[in-house]
Amino acid sequence: MTVGSQVKQTLATLRGAGATLRLYSEQARQREAKEAFAEGAKVLEEIVKELEDRLMVSEFEEPQYKGS
C-alpha cells in the first residue's frame, strides 16, 4: 500500500468517525454529552481539512501519490 493510499484510507476513516460523532451528538440526551460529541466532530473536521490540504500538496509535489 502506497503512502498516498494510506493517507486516503486514513481520511475515509476519520470522515466516518466524524459522522459517527455527529450522530451521537444528535442522539445524546444530556447537554454535556451533546456538546462533547459535537466538539469532537468539529476537531475531526479540522484534522480532515488539514490532512486533505497536505494530501493536495503531496500530490502536487509527488505526482506518484496522485490517483492512489
N, C-alpha and C. Protein backbone atom coordinates (compact mmCIF):
# COMPACT_ATOMS: atom_id res chain seq x y z
N MET A 1 0.85 -1.17 0.00
CA MET A 1 0.00 0.00 0.00
C MET A 1 0.89 1.24 0.00
N THR A 2 0.61 2.15 -0.90
CA THR A 2 1.43 3.35 -1.00
C THR A 2 1.08 4.35 0.09
N VAL A 3 1.96 5.30 0.29
CA VAL A 3 1.71 6.35 1.27
C VAL A 3 0.44 7.11 0.90
N GLY A 4 0.29 7.41 -0.38
CA GLY A 4 -0.90 8.14 -0.83
C GLY A 4 -2.18 7.40 -0.52
N SER A 5 -2.21 6.10 -0.77
CA SER A 5 -3.42 5.34 -0.49
C SER A 5 -3.64 5.20 1.02
N GLN A 6 -2.58 5.15 1.80
CA GLN A 6 -2.72 5.10 3.26
C GLN A 6 -3.33 6.39 3.79
N VAL A 7 -2.89 7.52 3.25
CA VAL A 7 -3.43 8.81 3.68
C VAL A 7 -4.91 8.89 3.29
N LYS A 8 -5.25 8.44 2.10
CA LYS A 8 -6.65 8.47 1.67
C LYS A 8 -7.51 7.55 2.51
N GLN A 9 -6.97 6.40 2.88
CA GLN A 9 -7.71 5.49 3.75
C GLN A 9 -7.91 6.11 5.13
N THR A 10 -6.89 6.78 5.62
CA THR A 10 -6.99 7.46 6.91
C THR A 10 -8.05 8.55 6.86
N LEU A 11 -8.08 9.31 5.76
CA LEU A 11 -9.10 10.34 5.60
C LEU A 11 -10.50 9.75 5.63
N ALA A 12 -10.70 8.65 4.94
CA ALA A 12 -12.01 8.00 4.92
C ALA A 12 -12.41 7.54 6.33
N THR A 13 -11.46 7.00 7.06
CA THR A 13 -11.73 6.54 8.42
C THR A 13 -12.08 7.72 9.32
N LEU A 14 -11.35 8.82 9.19
CA LEU A 14 -11.63 10.00 10.01
C LEU A 14 -12.98 10.61 9.67
N ARG A 15 -13.33 10.62 8.39
CA ARG A 15 -14.65 11.13 7.99
C ARG A 15 -15.76 10.28 8.60
N GLY A 16 -15.56 8.97 8.60
CA GLY A 16 -16.54 8.07 9.21
C GLY A 16 -16.67 8.31 10.70
N ALA A 17 -15.56 8.50 11.36
CA ALA A 17 -15.58 8.77 12.80
C ALA A 17 -16.29 10.09 13.08
N GLY A 18 -16.06 11.09 12.25
CA GLY A 18 -16.73 12.38 12.41
C GLY A 18 -18.23 12.25 12.24
N ALA A 19 -18.65 11.45 11.25
CA ALA A 19 -20.08 11.23 11.04
C ALA A 19 -20.70 10.53 12.24
N THR A 20 -19.98 9.59 12.80
CA THR A 20 -20.48 8.88 13.99
C THR A 20 -20.62 9.84 15.17
N LEU A 21 -19.63 10.70 15.35
CA LEU A 21 -19.71 11.67 16.45
C LEU A 21 -20.88 12.64 16.26
N ARG A 22 -21.12 13.07 15.02
CA ARG A 22 -22.26 13.96 14.77
C ARG A 22 -23.58 13.24 15.08
N LEU A 23 -23.66 11.98 14.71
CA LEU A 23 -24.86 11.19 15.01
C LEU A 23 -25.05 11.05 16.51
N TYR A 24 -23.99 10.74 17.22
CA TYR A 24 -24.07 10.62 18.68
C TYR A 24 -24.49 11.95 19.30
N SER A 25 -23.99 13.04 18.75
CA SER A 25 -24.34 14.36 19.26
C SER A 25 -25.84 14.62 19.11
N GLU A 26 -26.40 14.20 17.99
CA GLU A 26 -27.83 14.40 17.76
C GLU A 26 -28.68 13.50 18.66
N GLN A 27 -28.17 12.32 18.99
CA GLN A 27 -28.95 11.36 19.75
C GLN A 27 -28.77 11.47 21.26
N ALA A 28 -27.72 12.15 21.69
CA ALA A 28 -27.44 12.24 23.13
C ALA A 28 -28.54 13.02 23.84
N ARG A 29 -28.82 12.60 25.04
CA ARG A 29 -29.87 13.27 25.83
C ARG A 29 -29.30 14.34 26.74
N GLN A 30 -28.13 14.11 27.25
CA GLN A 30 -27.53 15.08 28.17
C GLN A 30 -26.82 16.17 27.37
N ARG A 31 -26.99 17.39 27.81
CA ARG A 31 -26.40 18.54 27.13
C ARG A 31 -24.88 18.42 27.05
N GLU A 32 -24.26 17.99 28.15
CA GLU A 32 -22.81 17.86 28.18
C GLU A 32 -22.32 16.84 27.16
N ALA A 33 -23.05 15.74 27.04
CA ALA A 33 -22.68 14.71 26.06
C ALA A 33 -22.84 15.24 24.65
N LYS A 34 -23.94 15.94 24.38
CA LYS A 34 -24.16 16.52 23.06
C LYS A 34 -22.99 17.44 22.69
N GLU A 35 -22.62 18.30 23.63
CA GLU A 35 -21.54 19.26 23.38
C GLU A 35 -20.21 18.55 23.17
N ALA A 36 -19.95 17.52 23.95
CA ALA A 36 -18.68 16.79 23.83
C ALA A 36 -18.59 16.10 22.46
N PHE A 37 -19.67 15.44 22.05
CA PHE A 37 -19.66 14.78 20.74
C PHE A 37 -19.54 15.80 19.61
N ALA A 38 -20.25 16.92 19.74
CA ALA A 38 -20.19 17.96 18.71
C ALA A 38 -18.78 18.55 18.62
N GLU A 39 -18.15 18.76 19.77
CA GLU A 39 -16.78 19.30 19.79
C GLU A 39 -15.81 18.31 19.16
N GLY A 40 -15.98 17.04 19.48
CA GLY A 40 -15.13 16.01 18.88
C GLY A 40 -15.28 15.98 17.37
N ALA A 41 -16.51 16.11 16.89
CA ALA A 41 -16.75 16.13 15.45
C ALA A 41 -16.10 17.35 14.81
N LYS A 42 -16.17 18.48 15.50
CA LYS A 42 -15.56 19.71 14.97
C LYS A 42 -14.04 19.57 14.87
N VAL A 43 -13.44 19.01 15.91
CA VAL A 43 -11.99 18.80 15.90
C VAL A 43 -11.60 17.86 14.75
N LEU A 44 -12.36 16.78 14.58
CA LEU A 44 -12.06 15.85 13.49
C LEU A 44 -12.20 16.52 12.13
N GLU A 45 -13.21 17.38 11.97
CA GLU A 45 -13.37 18.10 10.71
C GLU A 45 -12.14 18.96 10.41
N GLU A 46 -11.60 19.60 11.44
CA GLU A 46 -10.40 20.42 11.26
C GLU A 46 -9.20 19.56 10.87
N ILE A 47 -9.08 18.41 11.50
CA ILE A 47 -7.98 17.50 11.18
C ILE A 47 -8.11 16.99 9.75
N VAL A 48 -9.34 16.62 9.35
CA VAL A 48 -9.58 16.15 7.99
C VAL A 48 -9.21 17.23 6.99
N LYS A 49 -9.61 18.46 7.25
CA LYS A 49 -9.30 19.57 6.35
C LYS A 49 -7.79 19.75 6.20
N GLU A 50 -7.08 19.71 7.31
CA GLU A 50 -5.62 19.87 7.27
C GLU A 50 -4.97 18.71 6.51
N LEU A 51 -5.46 17.51 6.73
CA LEU A 51 -4.90 16.34 6.05
C LEU A 51 -5.21 16.38 4.55
N GLU A 52 -6.42 16.85 4.20
CA GLU A 52 -6.76 16.99 2.78
C GLU A 52 -5.84 18.01 2.11
N ASP A 53 -5.60 19.12 2.81
CA ASP A 53 -4.69 20.14 2.26
C ASP A 53 -3.29 19.57 2.06
N ARG A 54 -2.84 18.82 3.05
CA ARG A 54 -1.50 18.23 2.97
C ARG A 54 -1.43 17.21 1.84
N LEU A 55 -2.49 16.44 1.65
CA LEU A 55 -2.53 15.47 0.56
C LEU A 55 -2.46 16.17 -0.79
N MET A 56 -3.16 17.28 -0.92
CA MET A 56 -3.12 18.02 -2.19
C MET A 56 -1.70 18.50 -2.48
N VAL A 57 -1.01 18.99 -1.47
CA VAL A 57 0.37 19.44 -1.64
C VAL A 57 1.25 18.26 -2.02
N SER A 58 1.07 17.14 -1.33
CA SER A 58 1.87 15.95 -1.62
C SER A 58 1.64 15.47 -3.04
N GLU A 59 0.38 15.46 -3.48
CA GLU A 59 0.09 15.01 -4.84
C GLU A 59 0.68 15.96 -5.87
N PHE A 60 0.73 17.24 -5.55
CA PHE A 60 1.33 18.21 -6.47
C PHE A 60 2.85 18.03 -6.51
N GLU A 61 3.46 17.88 -5.34
CA GLU A 61 4.91 17.76 -5.26
C GLU A 61 5.41 16.37 -5.66
N GLU A 62 4.60 15.36 -5.40
CA GLU A 62 4.98 13.97 -5.68
C GLU A 62 3.87 13.33 -6.51
N PRO A 63 3.92 13.49 -7.83
CA PRO A 63 2.83 13.01 -8.69
C PRO A 63 2.50 11.52 -8.55
N GLN A 64 3.42 10.73 -8.05
CA GLN A 64 3.13 9.29 -7.90
C GLN A 64 2.06 9.04 -6.84
N TYR A 65 1.79 10.02 -5.95
CA TYR A 65 0.74 9.85 -4.96
C TYR A 65 -0.64 10.06 -5.56
N LYS A 66 -0.70 10.77 -6.66
CA LYS A 66 -1.98 11.09 -7.27
C LYS A 66 -2.62 9.82 -7.83
N GLY A 67 -3.91 9.68 -7.59
CA GLY A 67 -4.65 8.55 -8.12
C GLY A 67 -4.45 7.27 -7.37
N SER A 68 -3.76 7.31 -6.24
CA SER A 68 -3.54 6.08 -5.45
C SER A 68 -4.78 5.72 -4.69
